[in-house]
Amino acid sequence: MANVSIFNDALLSGGPLRINGYTYFKRGNRVIVCKSKRGKRKERSAGEIESSARFTEARKMWRIYRRTIGDLPIWSVAARETGAAKSDSLFHRLNGGCFRPGEGVWAFPSFRFSVGSLEMPVVKETSREEWTVTLEWENGVECPRAAAHDRVFIGYFFETLPRSPLLIEVPGACRADSRVKVEILPVGQPDGTPLHLYLFFGNEAGTRFSPSAYIRV
C-alpha cells in the first residue's frame, strides 16, 4: 500500500512516470497508462519543411512589425472588421506569402503594411531627391470612408533591410493635403538604395485605417 501511495503522490505532484517501458499519468481522477516507446516519427516532406520555415519567418516579422507600429491598433481593428480570430493570424494570412525564410520580405508590392475599411490612397505622382521623398494622391470626396482630416502615415523598407519595417506619421499632414514631402533618415544605407513605401491613412481617433498603397522610389 505504501508503494501505491508513493506512486499516486508522484502522479499528483506533476508526473508522468515512466516504468518498465510504460508511462503513467493522471487525467482528472484517472490513471492513464501507455507505452513509452513511440514509433519512429515520420520524416517531413520538403513542402512541410518549407511551410514550417515560412510560418516561423512570419511570426518573427509580426513581432518586428508590432514594435515598429507601437500602439497603432491597425491589425486588431482589421480583425474585428473582418471577423478574423486574431490580429496576428490575419497578418500571417495576408502577408505570409511575402516572406522568405531567414530573409524577411521579398514580395514588397504584395506586402500589406496596413489594412482597414477607410478609402485607400490613390497615388498620382512620386518623386525622390536623395533621401527626400514627395508623394501626391487623389483627395477624392468626403464620405463615411474618407475624411479630410484623416492622418497620413508612411511605412517603408530599405531594399537592403527587408526585415526592418519603419514608420512615419507625417506631422500635421492630412488626407485633404493631397501631397506630403518627407525626409528619410538613411541610417547608414548607401546613397540611392531603393525605398519601398506604403502610404496609408488613419482617422483622427485612431480607430480606423485604410489599406496601404505601395510605391517604389
N, C-alpha and C. Protein backbone atom coordinates (compact mmCIF):
# COMPACT_ATOMS: atom_id res chain seq x y z
N MET A 1 0.83 -1.21 0.00
CA MET A 1 0.00 0.00 0.00
C MET A 1 0.86 1.26 0.00
N ALA A 2 2.02 1.19 0.70
CA ALA A 2 2.89 2.35 0.75
C ALA A 2 3.39 2.71 -0.63
N ASN A 3 3.76 1.63 -1.44
CA ASN A 3 4.25 1.88 -2.79
C ASN A 3 3.18 2.53 -3.65
N VAL A 4 1.91 2.05 -3.49
CA VAL A 4 0.81 2.63 -4.25
C VAL A 4 0.62 4.09 -3.88
N SER A 5 0.72 4.40 -2.57
CA SER A 5 0.56 5.77 -2.12
C SER A 5 1.66 6.66 -2.70
N ILE A 6 2.91 6.15 -2.66
CA ILE A 6 4.02 6.92 -3.21
C ILE A 6 3.82 7.16 -4.69
N PHE A 7 3.36 6.11 -5.37
CA PHE A 7 3.11 6.18 -6.82
C PHE A 7 2.08 7.26 -7.13
N ASN A 8 0.95 7.22 -6.41
CA ASN A 8 -0.11 8.21 -6.64
C ASN A 8 0.35 9.62 -6.29
N ASP A 9 1.12 9.74 -5.20
CA ASP A 9 1.63 11.05 -4.82
C ASP A 9 2.52 11.62 -5.91
N ALA A 10 3.32 10.75 -6.51
CA ALA A 10 4.21 11.20 -7.58
C ALA A 10 3.41 11.70 -8.77
N LEU A 11 2.33 10.98 -9.11
CA LEU A 11 1.47 11.41 -10.22
C LEU A 11 0.81 12.74 -9.90
N LEU A 12 0.32 12.85 -8.67
CA LEU A 12 -0.36 14.08 -8.28
C LEU A 12 0.61 15.27 -8.25
N SER A 13 1.90 15.01 -8.02
CA SER A 13 2.86 16.09 -7.91
C SER A 13 3.38 16.54 -9.27
N GLY A 14 2.88 16.00 -10.33
CA GLY A 14 3.28 16.52 -11.64
C GLY A 14 3.75 15.48 -12.62
N GLY A 15 3.84 14.17 -12.24
CA GLY A 15 4.17 13.13 -13.19
C GLY A 15 4.51 13.68 -14.55
N PRO A 16 4.49 12.91 -15.64
CA PRO A 16 4.22 11.48 -15.62
C PRO A 16 5.42 10.65 -15.13
N LEU A 17 5.15 9.35 -14.90
CA LEU A 17 6.19 8.41 -14.52
C LEU A 17 6.39 7.39 -15.62
N ARG A 18 7.65 7.03 -15.88
CA ARG A 18 7.97 6.01 -16.87
C ARG A 18 8.58 4.82 -16.14
N ILE A 19 7.92 3.68 -16.23
CA ILE A 19 8.36 2.47 -15.54
C ILE A 19 8.23 1.29 -16.49
N ASN A 20 9.37 0.58 -16.69
CA ASN A 20 9.37 -0.66 -17.48
C ASN A 20 8.71 -0.49 -18.84
N GLY A 21 9.01 0.61 -19.51
CA GLY A 21 8.50 0.81 -20.85
C GLY A 21 7.10 1.38 -20.94
N TYR A 22 6.51 1.71 -19.80
CA TYR A 22 5.16 2.29 -19.78
C TYR A 22 5.19 3.65 -19.09
N THR A 23 4.33 4.53 -19.54
CA THR A 23 4.20 5.86 -18.95
C THR A 23 2.87 5.95 -18.23
N TYR A 24 2.89 6.43 -17.00
CA TYR A 24 1.69 6.60 -16.17
C TYR A 24 1.48 8.10 -15.92
N PHE A 25 0.26 8.58 -16.15
CA PHE A 25 -0.02 9.98 -15.86
C PHE A 25 -1.48 10.12 -15.43
N LYS A 26 -1.76 11.23 -14.78
CA LYS A 26 -3.11 11.50 -14.29
C LYS A 26 -3.90 12.31 -15.30
N ARG A 27 -5.15 11.92 -15.48
CA ARG A 27 -6.10 12.71 -16.25
C ARG A 27 -7.37 12.80 -15.41
N GLY A 28 -7.54 13.96 -14.76
CA GLY A 28 -8.62 14.06 -13.80
C GLY A 28 -8.31 13.16 -12.61
N ASN A 29 -9.23 12.26 -12.27
CA ASN A 29 -9.02 11.31 -11.17
C ASN A 29 -8.57 9.95 -11.67
N ARG A 30 -8.32 9.84 -12.96
CA ARG A 30 -7.96 8.54 -13.53
C ARG A 30 -6.47 8.45 -13.78
N VAL A 31 -5.93 7.26 -13.67
CA VAL A 31 -4.54 6.98 -14.03
C VAL A 31 -4.53 6.38 -15.43
N ILE A 32 -3.82 7.01 -16.36
CA ILE A 32 -3.74 6.56 -17.74
C ILE A 32 -2.39 5.92 -17.95
N VAL A 33 -2.38 4.77 -18.68
CA VAL A 33 -1.16 4.04 -18.96
C VAL A 33 -0.99 3.90 -20.47
N CYS A 34 0.22 4.19 -20.97
CA CYS A 34 0.51 3.97 -22.38
C CYS A 34 1.97 3.57 -22.54
N LYS A 35 2.28 2.95 -23.67
CA LYS A 35 3.66 2.56 -23.91
C LYS A 35 4.53 3.79 -24.08
N SER A 36 5.70 3.77 -23.44
CA SER A 36 6.60 4.92 -23.51
C SER A 36 7.27 5.02 -24.87
N LYS A 37 7.57 3.88 -25.46
CA LYS A 37 8.29 3.90 -26.72
C LYS A 37 7.34 4.19 -27.86
N ARG A 38 7.59 5.26 -28.57
CA ARG A 38 6.76 5.61 -29.69
C ARG A 38 7.39 5.11 -30.98
N GLY A 39 6.56 4.99 -32.00
CA GLY A 39 7.07 4.61 -33.30
C GLY A 39 7.94 5.72 -33.87
N LYS A 40 8.76 5.39 -34.85
CA LYS A 40 9.64 6.36 -35.48
C LYS A 40 8.82 7.47 -36.12
N ARG A 41 9.22 8.69 -35.81
CA ARG A 41 8.47 9.83 -36.35
C ARG A 41 8.65 9.93 -37.85
N LYS A 42 7.55 10.16 -38.53
CA LYS A 42 7.59 10.27 -39.98
C LYS A 42 8.40 11.49 -40.39
N GLU A 43 9.31 11.29 -41.32
CA GLU A 43 10.12 12.41 -41.78
C GLU A 43 9.24 13.40 -42.55
N ARG A 44 9.51 14.69 -42.34
CA ARG A 44 8.72 15.71 -43.00
C ARG A 44 9.16 15.87 -44.45
N SER A 45 8.19 16.17 -45.29
CA SER A 45 8.49 16.39 -46.71
C SER A 45 9.14 17.76 -46.88
N ALA A 46 9.70 17.98 -48.05
CA ALA A 46 10.32 19.28 -48.35
C ALA A 46 9.27 20.39 -48.26
N GLY A 47 8.05 20.10 -48.71
CA GLY A 47 6.99 21.09 -48.65
C GLY A 47 6.61 21.44 -47.22
N GLU A 48 6.59 20.42 -46.34
CA GLU A 48 6.27 20.66 -44.93
C GLU A 48 7.36 21.48 -44.25
N ILE A 49 8.61 21.19 -44.58
CA ILE A 49 9.72 21.95 -44.01
C ILE A 49 9.66 23.40 -44.46
N GLU A 50 9.38 23.61 -45.75
CA GLU A 50 9.29 24.97 -46.28
C GLU A 50 8.14 25.73 -45.64
N SER A 51 6.99 25.06 -45.50
CA SER A 51 5.83 25.70 -44.89
C SER A 51 6.11 26.09 -43.44
N SER A 52 6.79 25.21 -42.71
CA SER A 52 7.14 25.50 -41.32
C SER A 52 8.11 26.67 -41.24
N ALA A 53 9.07 26.72 -42.16
CA ALA A 53 10.05 27.80 -42.15
C ALA A 53 9.38 29.13 -42.48
N ARG A 54 8.43 29.11 -43.41
CA ARG A 54 7.71 30.34 -43.75
C ARG A 54 6.87 30.83 -42.56
N PHE A 55 6.26 29.88 -41.87
CA PHE A 55 5.46 30.25 -40.69
C PHE A 55 6.35 30.89 -39.62
N THR A 56 7.52 30.30 -39.40
CA THR A 56 8.45 30.84 -38.41
C THR A 56 8.88 32.25 -38.80
N GLU A 57 9.15 32.46 -40.09
CA GLU A 57 9.54 33.78 -40.55
C GLU A 57 8.41 34.78 -40.37
N ALA A 58 7.18 34.36 -40.67
CA ALA A 58 6.03 35.25 -40.50
C ALA A 58 5.87 35.66 -39.04
N ARG A 59 6.09 34.72 -38.11
CA ARG A 59 5.98 35.05 -36.69
C ARG A 59 7.06 36.07 -36.28
N LYS A 60 8.28 35.88 -36.80
CA LYS A 60 9.35 36.82 -36.49
C LYS A 60 9.01 38.21 -37.03
N MET A 61 8.51 38.24 -38.29
CA MET A 61 8.20 39.53 -38.90
C MET A 61 7.05 40.21 -38.16
N TRP A 62 6.09 39.45 -37.66
CA TRP A 62 4.99 40.04 -36.90
C TRP A 62 5.52 40.73 -35.65
N ARG A 63 6.45 40.09 -34.94
CA ARG A 63 6.99 40.69 -33.72
C ARG A 63 7.76 41.97 -34.04
N ILE A 64 8.55 41.96 -35.12
CA ILE A 64 9.30 43.15 -35.51
C ILE A 64 8.33 44.26 -35.93
N TYR A 65 7.35 43.91 -36.74
CA TYR A 65 6.37 44.89 -37.22
C TYR A 65 5.61 45.52 -36.05
N ARG A 66 5.22 44.71 -35.07
CA ARG A 66 4.48 45.23 -33.93
C ARG A 66 5.30 46.28 -33.17
N ARG A 67 6.59 46.04 -33.05
CA ARG A 67 7.45 47.03 -32.38
C ARG A 67 7.49 48.32 -33.19
N THR A 68 7.44 48.20 -34.50
CA THR A 68 7.51 49.38 -35.37
C THR A 68 6.27 50.24 -35.26
N ILE A 69 5.08 49.65 -35.24
CA ILE A 69 3.86 50.45 -35.24
C ILE A 69 3.45 50.89 -33.83
N GLY A 70 4.08 50.35 -32.81
CA GLY A 70 3.79 50.76 -31.45
C GLY A 70 2.34 50.50 -31.07
N ASP A 71 1.65 51.55 -30.63
CA ASP A 71 0.28 51.36 -30.14
C ASP A 71 -0.78 51.58 -31.21
N LEU A 72 -0.40 51.69 -32.48
CA LEU A 72 -1.40 51.81 -33.54
C LEU A 72 -2.13 50.47 -33.68
N PRO A 73 -3.44 50.43 -33.48
CA PRO A 73 -4.16 49.14 -33.48
C PRO A 73 -4.62 48.71 -34.87
N ILE A 74 -3.74 48.83 -35.86
CA ILE A 74 -4.14 48.58 -37.25
C ILE A 74 -4.75 47.20 -37.43
N TRP A 75 -4.04 46.17 -36.99
CA TRP A 75 -4.47 44.81 -37.29
C TRP A 75 -5.53 44.31 -36.33
N SER A 76 -5.55 44.81 -35.10
CA SER A 76 -6.64 44.41 -34.19
C SER A 76 -7.97 45.00 -34.68
N VAL A 77 -7.92 46.24 -35.18
CA VAL A 77 -9.13 46.84 -35.77
C VAL A 77 -9.57 46.04 -36.99
N ALA A 78 -8.62 45.71 -37.86
CA ALA A 78 -8.94 44.95 -39.07
C ALA A 78 -9.52 43.57 -38.73
N ALA A 79 -8.98 42.94 -37.68
CA ALA A 79 -9.50 41.64 -37.28
C ALA A 79 -10.97 41.73 -36.86
N ARG A 80 -11.31 42.79 -36.11
CA ARG A 80 -12.71 42.97 -35.72
C ARG A 80 -13.58 43.25 -36.94
N GLU A 81 -13.08 44.06 -37.85
CA GLU A 81 -13.86 44.44 -39.02
C GLU A 81 -14.11 43.25 -39.95
N THR A 82 -13.18 42.32 -40.01
CA THR A 82 -13.30 41.19 -40.93
C THR A 82 -13.76 39.90 -40.25
N GLY A 83 -13.86 39.92 -38.92
CA GLY A 83 -14.26 38.71 -38.21
C GLY A 83 -13.14 37.71 -38.03
N ALA A 84 -11.88 38.14 -38.23
CA ALA A 84 -10.74 37.24 -38.03
C ALA A 84 -10.58 36.94 -36.54
N ALA A 85 -10.07 35.76 -36.25
CA ALA A 85 -9.93 35.34 -34.85
C ALA A 85 -8.94 36.21 -34.10
N LYS A 86 -7.78 36.50 -34.71
CA LYS A 86 -6.74 37.27 -34.04
C LYS A 86 -6.02 38.14 -35.05
N SER A 87 -5.44 39.24 -34.55
CA SER A 87 -4.73 40.16 -35.44
C SER A 87 -3.50 39.50 -36.06
N ASP A 88 -2.76 38.70 -35.28
CA ASP A 88 -1.55 38.10 -35.84
C ASP A 88 -1.88 37.05 -36.90
N SER A 89 -2.98 36.33 -36.73
CA SER A 89 -3.35 35.33 -37.74
C SER A 89 -3.79 36.01 -39.03
N LEU A 90 -4.44 37.18 -38.93
CA LEU A 90 -4.82 37.93 -40.13
C LEU A 90 -3.57 38.44 -40.84
N PHE A 91 -2.62 38.98 -40.08
CA PHE A 91 -1.35 39.44 -40.65
C PHE A 91 -0.65 38.30 -41.38
N HIS A 92 -0.62 37.14 -40.74
CA HIS A 92 0.05 35.98 -41.33
C HIS A 92 -0.67 35.54 -42.61
N ARG A 93 -1.99 35.51 -42.57
CA ARG A 93 -2.76 35.05 -43.74
C ARG A 93 -2.55 35.97 -44.94
N LEU A 94 -2.52 37.28 -44.69
CA LEU A 94 -2.41 38.23 -45.79
C LEU A 94 -0.97 38.45 -46.26
N ASN A 95 -0.01 38.30 -45.33
CA ASN A 95 1.38 38.62 -45.68
C ASN A 95 2.32 37.44 -45.69
N GLY A 96 1.85 36.27 -45.27
CA GLY A 96 2.76 35.12 -45.16
C GLY A 96 3.51 34.80 -46.44
N GLY A 97 2.84 34.94 -47.59
CA GLY A 97 3.48 34.62 -48.86
C GLY A 97 4.50 35.65 -49.31
N CYS A 98 4.59 36.77 -48.60
CA CYS A 98 5.54 37.84 -48.96
C CYS A 98 6.91 37.64 -48.32
N PHE A 99 7.06 36.60 -47.47
CA PHE A 99 8.30 36.40 -46.73
C PHE A 99 9.07 35.21 -47.27
N ARG A 100 10.40 35.31 -47.17
CA ARG A 100 11.28 34.16 -47.42
C ARG A 100 11.97 33.81 -46.12
N PRO A 101 12.03 32.52 -45.78
CA PRO A 101 12.66 32.12 -44.52
C PRO A 101 14.08 32.65 -44.40
N GLY A 102 14.36 33.27 -43.26
CA GLY A 102 15.69 33.78 -42.99
C GLY A 102 16.03 35.08 -43.68
N GLU A 103 15.09 35.64 -44.48
CA GLU A 103 15.39 36.85 -45.24
C GLU A 103 14.46 38.01 -44.91
N GLY A 104 13.19 37.74 -44.67
CA GLY A 104 12.21 38.80 -44.49
C GLY A 104 11.35 38.97 -45.72
N VAL A 105 10.99 40.22 -46.03
CA VAL A 105 10.09 40.49 -47.15
C VAL A 105 10.85 40.36 -48.47
N TRP A 106 10.26 39.65 -49.41
CA TRP A 106 10.82 39.61 -50.77
C TRP A 106 9.80 40.16 -51.77
N ALA A 107 8.50 39.99 -51.52
CA ALA A 107 7.45 40.47 -52.43
C ALA A 107 6.93 41.80 -51.90
N PHE A 108 7.73 42.84 -52.02
CA PHE A 108 7.36 44.15 -51.46
C PHE A 108 6.03 44.68 -52.00
N PRO A 109 5.75 44.57 -53.31
CA PRO A 109 4.48 45.12 -53.81
C PRO A 109 3.24 44.46 -53.22
N SER A 110 3.37 43.21 -52.78
CA SER A 110 2.22 42.47 -52.25
C SER A 110 2.06 42.61 -50.75
N PHE A 111 3.09 43.12 -50.09
CA PHE A 111 3.05 43.23 -48.63
C PHE A 111 2.03 44.29 -48.22
N ARG A 112 1.20 43.98 -47.21
CA ARG A 112 0.24 44.95 -46.67
C ARG A 112 0.80 45.53 -45.39
N PHE A 113 1.23 46.80 -45.46
CA PHE A 113 1.68 47.47 -44.26
C PHE A 113 0.48 47.83 -43.39
N SER A 114 -0.62 48.14 -44.05
CA SER A 114 -1.86 48.48 -43.34
C SER A 114 -3.04 47.88 -44.09
N VAL A 115 -4.08 47.56 -43.34
CA VAL A 115 -5.36 47.13 -43.91
C VAL A 115 -6.46 47.83 -43.14
N GLY A 116 -7.65 47.87 -43.70
CA GLY A 116 -8.74 48.51 -42.98
C GLY A 116 -9.87 48.94 -43.89
N SER A 117 -10.83 49.63 -43.31
CA SER A 117 -12.08 49.95 -44.00
C SER A 117 -12.14 51.38 -44.54
N LEU A 118 -11.12 52.21 -44.26
CA LEU A 118 -11.10 53.54 -44.87
C LEU A 118 -10.68 53.44 -46.33
N GLU A 119 -11.01 54.48 -47.11
CA GLU A 119 -10.60 54.52 -48.50
C GLU A 119 -9.07 54.58 -48.58
N MET A 120 -8.49 53.71 -49.41
CA MET A 120 -7.04 53.70 -49.54
C MET A 120 -6.58 54.85 -50.44
N PRO A 121 -5.33 55.26 -50.33
CA PRO A 121 -4.82 56.34 -51.18
C PRO A 121 -4.77 55.91 -52.65
N VAL A 122 -5.04 56.86 -53.53
CA VAL A 122 -4.84 56.68 -54.97
C VAL A 122 -3.66 57.58 -55.35
N VAL A 123 -2.49 56.98 -55.51
CA VAL A 123 -1.27 57.74 -55.70
C VAL A 123 -1.20 58.28 -57.13
N LYS A 124 -0.88 59.59 -57.26
CA LYS A 124 -0.78 60.24 -58.56
C LYS A 124 0.67 60.36 -59.02
N GLU A 125 1.49 60.97 -58.17
CA GLU A 125 2.88 61.25 -58.54
C GLU A 125 3.80 60.93 -57.38
N THR A 126 5.02 60.51 -57.71
CA THR A 126 6.06 60.31 -56.70
C THR A 126 7.37 60.87 -57.23
N SER A 127 8.17 61.37 -56.34
CA SER A 127 9.50 61.82 -56.75
C SER A 127 10.45 61.66 -55.57
N ARG A 128 11.74 61.61 -55.92
CA ARG A 128 12.76 61.43 -54.88
C ARG A 128 14.01 62.20 -55.26
N GLU A 129 14.55 62.94 -54.31
CA GLU A 129 15.84 63.60 -54.45
C GLU A 129 16.69 63.18 -53.26
N GLU A 130 17.66 62.32 -53.53
CA GLU A 130 18.48 61.71 -52.49
C GLU A 130 17.56 61.02 -51.47
N TRP A 131 17.44 61.56 -50.24
CA TRP A 131 16.58 60.91 -49.24
C TRP A 131 15.30 61.71 -48.96
N THR A 132 14.98 62.64 -49.85
CA THR A 132 13.74 63.40 -49.74
C THR A 132 12.72 62.84 -50.70
N VAL A 133 11.57 62.44 -50.19
CA VAL A 133 10.53 61.80 -50.99
C VAL A 133 9.26 62.66 -50.98
N THR A 134 8.67 62.86 -52.15
CA THR A 134 7.41 63.59 -52.27
C THR A 134 6.35 62.66 -52.85
N LEU A 135 5.21 62.60 -52.20
CA LEU A 135 4.10 61.76 -52.64
C LEU A 135 2.87 62.65 -52.86
N GLU A 136 2.16 62.39 -53.96
CA GLU A 136 0.91 63.10 -54.23
C GLU A 136 -0.18 62.07 -54.48
N TRP A 137 -1.39 62.36 -54.01
CA TRP A 137 -2.51 61.44 -54.17
C TRP A 137 -3.80 62.18 -54.51
N GLU A 138 -4.76 61.44 -55.05
CA GLU A 138 -6.08 61.99 -55.30
C GLU A 138 -6.80 62.15 -53.97
N ASN A 139 -7.36 63.32 -53.75
CA ASN A 139 -8.05 63.56 -52.48
C ASN A 139 -9.42 62.91 -52.46
N GLY A 140 -10.11 62.89 -53.60
CA GLY A 140 -11.46 62.32 -53.64
C GLY A 140 -12.44 63.22 -52.92
N VAL A 141 -13.51 62.66 -52.42
CA VAL A 141 -14.54 63.43 -51.72
C VAL A 141 -14.73 62.86 -50.32
N GLU A 142 -15.24 63.70 -49.43
CA GLU A 142 -15.53 63.21 -48.08
C GLU A 142 -16.72 62.26 -48.11
N CYS A 143 -16.59 61.19 -47.38
CA CYS A 143 -17.65 60.19 -47.30
C CYS A 143 -17.40 59.40 -46.02
N PRO A 144 -18.27 58.46 -45.66
CA PRO A 144 -18.05 57.72 -44.40
C PRO A 144 -16.71 57.00 -44.34
N ARG A 145 -16.10 56.75 -45.49
CA ARG A 145 -14.82 56.04 -45.50
C ARG A 145 -13.63 56.94 -45.79
N ALA A 146 -13.85 58.23 -45.90
CA ALA A 146 -12.76 59.16 -46.18
C ALA A 146 -13.09 60.53 -45.64
N ALA A 147 -12.28 61.02 -44.69
CA ALA A 147 -12.48 62.34 -44.12
C ALA A 147 -11.28 63.21 -44.43
N ALA A 148 -11.53 64.50 -44.60
CA ALA A 148 -10.46 65.43 -44.95
C ALA A 148 -9.33 65.40 -43.94
N HIS A 149 -9.65 65.17 -42.66
CA HIS A 149 -8.65 65.24 -41.60
C HIS A 149 -8.04 63.88 -41.24
N ASP A 150 -8.25 62.88 -42.07
CA ASP A 150 -7.57 61.60 -41.85
C ASP A 150 -6.06 61.83 -41.79
N ARG A 151 -5.40 61.16 -40.85
CA ARG A 151 -3.96 61.31 -40.65
C ARG A 151 -3.19 60.54 -41.72
N VAL A 152 -1.97 61.01 -42.02
CA VAL A 152 -1.13 60.44 -43.07
C VAL A 152 0.02 59.66 -42.46
N PHE A 153 0.18 58.40 -42.89
CA PHE A 153 1.27 57.53 -42.43
C PHE A 153 2.03 56.99 -43.64
N ILE A 154 3.31 56.81 -43.45
CA ILE A 154 4.14 56.17 -44.48
C ILE A 154 4.96 55.08 -43.82
N GLY A 155 4.67 53.85 -44.15
CA GLY A 155 5.53 52.74 -43.76
C GLY A 155 6.58 52.54 -44.84
N TYR A 156 7.74 52.01 -44.48
CA TYR A 156 8.75 51.81 -45.52
C TYR A 156 9.80 50.78 -45.12
N PHE A 157 10.45 50.24 -46.15
CA PHE A 157 11.61 49.37 -46.01
C PHE A 157 12.73 49.92 -46.88
N PHE A 158 13.95 49.87 -46.42
CA PHE A 158 15.09 49.94 -47.32
C PHE A 158 15.20 48.59 -48.02
N GLU A 159 15.49 48.60 -49.30
CA GLU A 159 15.58 47.31 -50.00
C GLU A 159 16.68 46.44 -49.41
N THR A 160 17.68 47.06 -48.83
CA THR A 160 18.79 46.34 -48.21
C THR A 160 18.45 45.77 -46.84
N LEU A 161 17.29 46.18 -46.27
CA LEU A 161 16.91 45.74 -44.93
C LEU A 161 15.48 45.18 -44.94
N PRO A 162 15.27 44.04 -45.59
CA PRO A 162 13.91 43.53 -45.74
C PRO A 162 13.27 42.98 -44.47
N ARG A 163 14.02 42.98 -43.37
CA ARG A 163 13.46 42.57 -42.09
C ARG A 163 13.26 43.75 -41.14
N SER A 164 13.36 44.96 -41.66
CA SER A 164 13.32 46.14 -40.80
C SER A 164 12.28 47.15 -41.27
N PRO A 165 10.99 46.89 -41.01
CA PRO A 165 9.98 47.89 -41.36
C PRO A 165 10.11 49.13 -40.49
N LEU A 166 9.82 50.28 -41.07
CA LEU A 166 9.87 51.55 -40.37
C LEU A 166 8.59 52.33 -40.66
N LEU A 167 8.29 53.32 -39.84
CA LEU A 167 7.02 54.03 -39.96
C LEU A 167 7.20 55.51 -39.63
N ILE A 168 6.55 56.35 -40.45
CA ILE A 168 6.49 57.79 -40.20
C ILE A 168 5.02 58.19 -40.13
N GLU A 169 4.62 58.90 -39.08
CA GLU A 169 3.37 59.64 -39.11
C GLU A 169 3.74 61.06 -39.45
N VAL A 170 3.30 61.54 -40.61
CA VAL A 170 3.72 62.85 -41.10
C VAL A 170 3.06 63.93 -40.24
N PRO A 171 3.84 64.72 -39.48
CA PRO A 171 3.27 65.69 -38.54
C PRO A 171 2.39 66.72 -39.25
N GLY A 172 1.16 66.87 -38.77
CA GLY A 172 0.26 67.89 -39.28
C GLY A 172 -0.36 67.61 -40.64
N ALA A 173 0.04 66.51 -41.29
CA ALA A 173 -0.49 66.22 -42.63
C ALA A 173 -1.83 65.50 -42.52
N CYS A 174 -2.70 65.72 -43.52
CA CYS A 174 -3.99 65.05 -43.55
C CYS A 174 -4.36 64.70 -45.00
N ARG A 175 -5.39 63.90 -45.14
CA ARG A 175 -5.81 63.41 -46.45
C ARG A 175 -6.07 64.58 -47.42
N ALA A 176 -6.68 65.65 -46.93
CA ALA A 176 -7.05 66.77 -47.80
C ALA A 176 -5.85 67.49 -48.39
N ASP A 177 -4.65 67.31 -47.81
CA ASP A 177 -3.47 67.99 -48.34
C ASP A 177 -3.10 67.50 -49.74
N SER A 178 -3.37 66.24 -50.02
CA SER A 178 -3.09 65.62 -51.32
C SER A 178 -1.60 65.52 -51.65
N ARG A 179 -0.74 65.90 -50.71
CA ARG A 179 0.70 65.91 -51.01
C ARG A 179 1.49 65.99 -49.71
N VAL A 180 2.56 65.20 -49.62
CA VAL A 180 3.50 65.33 -48.50
C VAL A 180 4.92 65.21 -49.00
N LYS A 181 5.82 65.84 -48.27
CA LYS A 181 7.26 65.71 -48.53
C LYS A 181 7.90 65.27 -47.21
N VAL A 182 8.66 64.19 -47.26
CA VAL A 182 9.27 63.65 -46.05
C VAL A 182 10.76 63.40 -46.27
N GLU A 183 11.50 63.51 -45.18
CA GLU A 183 12.92 63.19 -45.17
C GLU A 183 13.10 61.80 -44.56
N ILE A 184 13.75 60.92 -45.29
CA ILE A 184 14.04 59.58 -44.80
C ILE A 184 15.44 59.56 -44.21
N LEU A 185 15.57 59.15 -42.99
CA LEU A 185 16.90 59.01 -42.38
C LEU A 185 17.59 57.79 -43.00
N PRO A 186 18.78 57.97 -43.58
CA PRO A 186 19.41 56.85 -44.31
C PRO A 186 19.96 55.74 -43.44
N VAL A 187 20.14 55.99 -42.13
CA VAL A 187 20.68 55.01 -41.17
C VAL A 187 21.81 54.16 -41.76
N GLY A 188 22.74 54.85 -42.42
CA GLY A 188 23.93 54.17 -42.91
C GLY A 188 23.77 53.44 -44.22
N GLN A 189 22.63 53.53 -44.87
CA GLN A 189 22.42 52.83 -46.13
C GLN A 189 23.09 53.58 -47.28
N PRO A 190 23.56 52.86 -48.29
CA PRO A 190 24.23 53.52 -49.42
C PRO A 190 23.30 54.49 -50.15
N ASP A 191 23.86 55.57 -50.66
CA ASP A 191 23.08 56.52 -51.44
C ASP A 191 22.39 55.80 -52.60
N GLY A 192 21.15 56.16 -52.83
CA GLY A 192 20.40 55.56 -53.94
C GLY A 192 19.76 54.23 -53.62
N THR A 193 19.90 53.74 -52.38
CA THR A 193 19.25 52.48 -52.01
C THR A 193 17.74 52.60 -52.27
N PRO A 194 17.16 51.67 -53.03
CA PRO A 194 15.71 51.76 -53.29
C PRO A 194 14.90 51.71 -51.99
N LEU A 195 13.81 52.47 -52.00
CA LEU A 195 12.89 52.51 -50.88
C LEU A 195 11.55 51.90 -51.30
N HIS A 196 10.99 51.08 -50.44
CA HIS A 196 9.66 50.52 -50.65
C HIS A 196 8.72 51.21 -49.67
N LEU A 197 7.81 52.03 -50.19
CA LEU A 197 6.95 52.88 -49.35
C LEU A 197 5.52 52.36 -49.35
N TYR A 198 4.82 52.61 -48.23
CA TYR A 198 3.43 52.19 -48.07
C TYR A 198 2.65 53.37 -47.46
N LEU A 199 1.93 54.08 -48.32
CA LEU A 199 1.14 55.23 -47.89
C LEU A 199 -0.23 54.76 -47.43
N PHE A 200 -0.65 55.21 -46.23
CA PHE A 200 -2.00 54.87 -45.76
C PHE A 200 -2.51 55.96 -44.84
N PHE A 201 -3.82 55.89 -44.55
CA PHE A 201 -4.48 56.89 -43.70
C PHE A 201 -5.05 56.24 -42.45
N GLY A 202 -5.23 57.07 -41.42
CA GLY A 202 -5.93 56.66 -40.21
C GLY A 202 -6.84 57.79 -39.77
N ASN A 203 -7.98 57.47 -39.20
CA ASN A 203 -8.87 58.55 -38.78
C ASN A 203 -8.31 59.25 -37.54
N GLU A 204 -8.90 60.41 -37.21
CA GLU A 204 -8.37 61.23 -36.12
C GLU A 204 -8.39 60.49 -34.79
N ALA A 205 -9.38 59.63 -34.59
CA ALA A 205 -9.50 58.90 -33.32
C ALA A 205 -8.55 57.72 -33.22
N GLY A 206 -7.94 57.33 -34.34
CA GLY A 206 -7.06 56.18 -34.33
C GLY A 206 -7.79 54.86 -34.21
N THR A 207 -9.04 54.84 -34.70
CA THR A 207 -9.86 53.62 -34.58
C THR A 207 -10.19 52.99 -35.93
N ARG A 208 -9.76 53.62 -37.01
CA ARG A 208 -9.95 53.04 -38.34
C ARG A 208 -8.75 53.41 -39.21
N PHE A 209 -8.44 52.52 -40.15
CA PHE A 209 -7.29 52.71 -41.02
C PHE A 209 -7.64 52.29 -42.44
N SER A 210 -6.80 52.71 -43.37
CA SER A 210 -7.00 52.34 -44.76
C SER A 210 -6.00 51.27 -45.16
N PRO A 211 -6.27 50.54 -46.25
CA PRO A 211 -5.21 49.71 -46.83
C PRO A 211 -4.06 50.60 -47.30
N SER A 212 -2.87 50.05 -47.34
CA SER A 212 -1.71 50.81 -47.78
C SER A 212 -1.55 50.73 -49.29
N ALA A 213 -1.07 51.82 -49.90
CA ALA A 213 -0.74 51.86 -51.31
C ALA A 213 0.78 51.76 -51.45
N TYR A 214 1.24 50.89 -52.33
CA TYR A 214 2.68 50.62 -52.46
C TYR A 214 3.32 51.52 -53.51
N ILE A 215 4.52 52.03 -53.16
CA ILE A 215 5.31 52.85 -54.08
C ILE A 215 6.78 52.48 -53.93
N ARG A 216 7.48 52.31 -55.04
CA ARG A 216 8.94 52.07 -55.00
C ARG A 216 9.64 53.30 -55.59
N VAL A 217 10.58 53.85 -54.85
CA VAL A 217 11.31 55.03 -55.34
C VAL A 217 12.81 54.82 -55.13
